[in-house]
């Protein structure tokens, strides 16, 4: 019996969400300049930027330019939220994002489940919450 047929549960090691964005250059500028991500890799074809992988700490995202095959008015980010955790002070992190021109969807707030968090919405409507566990 092969190892793959003896699976009792799925055991994944990493997740790397991929966002289809309306303007890859604007999205990269936002994620780098406002949120503080770094570019890991850029994907180009004939000198045209098609996408990139970006990172903040251990979290990686992929951004890909929409090819508009499903129409230019396609809604992005609906019904989807990334929940990220950090060991950083979320009040300081939120203040830094605002100082770089970012707008918070909600200010840092203590949550009843023992976390302090805030959230942003990127230019395409993708929602990201960033939290620090206050109770361990």
Protein backbone atom coordinates (compact mmCIF):
# COMPACT_ATOMS: atom_id res chain seq x y z
CA UNK A 1 0.00 0.00 0.00
CA UNK A 2 1.45 3.36 -0.97
CA UNK A 3 1.82 6.16 1.57
CA UNK A 4 -0.69 8.34 -0.30
CA UNK A 5 -3.41 5.69 -0.03
CA UNK A 6 -2.91 5.45 3.73
CA UNK A 7 -4.01 9.00 4.46
CA UNK A 8 -6.10 9.47 7.58
CA UNK A 9 -6.37 13.24 7.22
CA UNK A 10 -5.03 15.99 5.04
CA UNK A 11 -1.83 17.56 6.38
CA UNK A 12 -0.87 20.76 4.60
CA UNK A 13 2.28 22.77 5.28
CA UNK A 14 1.58 26.20 3.82
CA UNK A 15 -1.09 28.30 2.17
CA UNK A 16 -0.37 31.03 -0.35
CA UNK A 17 -3.55 32.85 -1.40
CA UNK A 18 -3.59 34.33 -4.88
CA UNK A 19 -5.50 37.55 -5.54
CA UNK A 20 -6.55 38.53 -9.05
CA UNK A 21 -6.16 42.30 -9.15
CA UNK A 22 -7.35 45.02 -11.50
CA UNK A 23 -4.07 46.95 -11.62
CA UNK A 24 -0.99 44.93 -10.68
CA UNK A 25 1.29 47.99 -10.43
CA UNK A 26 -1.15 49.79 -8.10
CA UNK A 27 -1.61 46.65 -6.00
CA UNK A 28 2.15 46.16 -5.64
CA UNK A 29 2.54 49.80 -4.65
CA UNK A 30 -0.18 49.39 -2.00
CA UNK A 31 1.14 46.13 -0.55
CA UNK A 32 4.73 47.43 -0.50
CA UNK A 33 4.29 51.09 0.33
CA UNK A 34 1.27 50.95 2.64
CA UNK A 35 1.25 47.48 4.19
CA UNK A 36 5.00 46.86 4.23
CA UNK A 37 5.21 43.67 2.14
CA UNK A 38 8.34 42.89 0.13
CA UNK A 39 8.43 41.51 -3.40
CA UNK A 40 9.79 37.96 -3.53
CA UNK A 41 9.40 37.40 -7.26
CA UNK A 42 7.96 39.29 -10.23
CA UNK A 43 6.40 37.49 -13.22
CA UNK A 44 6.75 39.29 -16.52
CA UNK A 45 6.13 38.48 -20.16
CA UNK A 46 7.72 40.64 -22.86
CA UNK A 47 8.45 43.31 -20.24
CA UNK A 48 4.84 43.44 -19.01
CA UNK A 49 4.24 42.70 -15.33
CA UNK A 50 1.70 39.87 -14.98
CA UNK A 51 2.03 39.13 -11.28
CA UNK A 52 4.22 38.80 -8.24
CA UNK A 53 4.69 36.88 -5.03
CA UNK A 54 4.99 39.10 -1.97
CA UNK A 55 5.78 38.46 1.68
CA UNK A 56 5.33 39.97 5.13
CA UNK A 57 7.11 37.88 7.72
CA UNK A 58 6.13 34.25 7.12
CA UNK A 59 2.98 35.16 5.16
CA UNK A 60 3.13 35.04 1.37
CA UNK A 61 0.56 36.20 -1.16
CA UNK A 62 0.44 36.07 -4.92
CA UNK A 63 -0.96 38.94 -6.94
CA UNK A 64 -1.96 38.37 -10.54
CA UNK A 65 -3.15 40.86 -13.14
CA UNK A 66 -6.76 40.23 -14.16
CA UNK A 67 -7.00 39.25 -17.84
CA UNK A 68 -10.58 40.61 -17.87
CA UNK A 69 -11.90 37.37 -19.45
CA UNK A 70 -14.78 37.46 -16.93
CA UNK A 71 -15.52 41.15 -17.55
CA UNK A 72 -14.13 44.41 -16.20
CA UNK A 73 -16.85 44.77 -13.56
CA UNK A 74 -16.16 41.43 -11.86
CA UNK A 75 -16.38 41.87 -8.10
CA UNK A 76 -13.23 40.88 -6.23
CA UNK A 77 -12.81 40.04 -2.57
CA UNK A 78 -16.49 39.40 -1.81
CA UNK A 79 -17.06 36.84 0.90
CA UNK A 80 -13.36 36.42 1.57
CA UNK A 81 -11.09 37.57 4.41
CA UNK A 82 -7.51 36.77 5.34
CA UNK A 83 -6.98 36.53 9.09
CA UNK A 84 -3.31 37.09 9.89
CA UNK A 85 -1.62 36.99 13.28
CA UNK A 86 1.42 38.91 14.44
CA UNK A 87 3.62 39.29 17.48
CA UNK A 88 3.86 43.02 16.75
CA UNK A 89 1.91 45.67 18.62
CA UNK A 90 -1.18 46.03 16.42
CA UNK A 91 -1.78 49.62 17.50
CA UNK A 92 1.70 50.59 16.30
CA UNK A 93 1.27 48.57 13.11
CA UNK A 94 -2.11 50.17 12.38
CA UNK A 95 -0.65 53.64 13.03
CA UNK A 96 2.24 52.93 10.61
CA UNK A 97 -0.19 51.79 7.91
CA UNK A 98 -2.26 54.96 8.36
CA UNK A 99 0.91 57.12 8.30
CA UNK A 100 1.78 55.56 4.92
CA UNK A 101 -1.63 56.51 3.51
CA UNK A 102 -3.60 53.38 4.36
CA UNK A 103 -7.17 53.46 5.56
CA UNK A 104 -8.35 51.01 8.21
CA UNK A 105 -11.70 49.28 7.82
CA UNK A 106 -11.77 49.13 11.61
CA UNK A 107 -9.40 50.51 14.22
CA UNK A 108 -7.54 48.24 16.66
CA UNK A 109 -10.14 46.67 18.92
CA UNK A 110 -10.05 44.21 21.81
CA UNK A 111 -12.11 41.16 20.83
CA UNK A 112 -14.01 38.88 23.24
CA UNK A 113 -12.02 35.84 22.05
CA UNK A 114 -8.77 37.24 23.51
CA UNK A 115 -7.29 39.08 20.55
CA UNK A 116 -6.70 42.69 19.57
CA UNK A 117 -7.15 43.29 15.86
CA UNK A 118 -7.73 45.76 13.06
CA UNK A 119 -8.59 45.32 9.42
CA UNK A 120 -7.98 46.87 6.03
CA UNK A 121 -9.55 46.49 2.61
CA UNK A 122 -7.12 46.55 -0.31
CA UNK A 123 -7.78 48.50 -3.54
CA UNK A 124 -9.59 45.49 -5.08
CA UNK A 125 -11.81 44.81 -2.06
CA UNK A 126 -9.83 41.97 -0.47
CA UNK A 127 -10.23 42.12 3.31
CA UNK A 128 -7.33 41.48 5.69
CA UNK A 129 -7.54 41.36 9.49
CA UNK A 130 -4.36 41.50 11.54
CA UNK A 131 -4.47 40.37 15.15
CA UNK A 132 -2.37 39.84 18.22
CA UNK A 133 -3.43 37.19 20.74
CA UNK A 134 -3.80 39.04 24.05
CA UNK A 135 -4.77 35.98 26.10
CA UNK A 136 -2.61 32.88 25.80
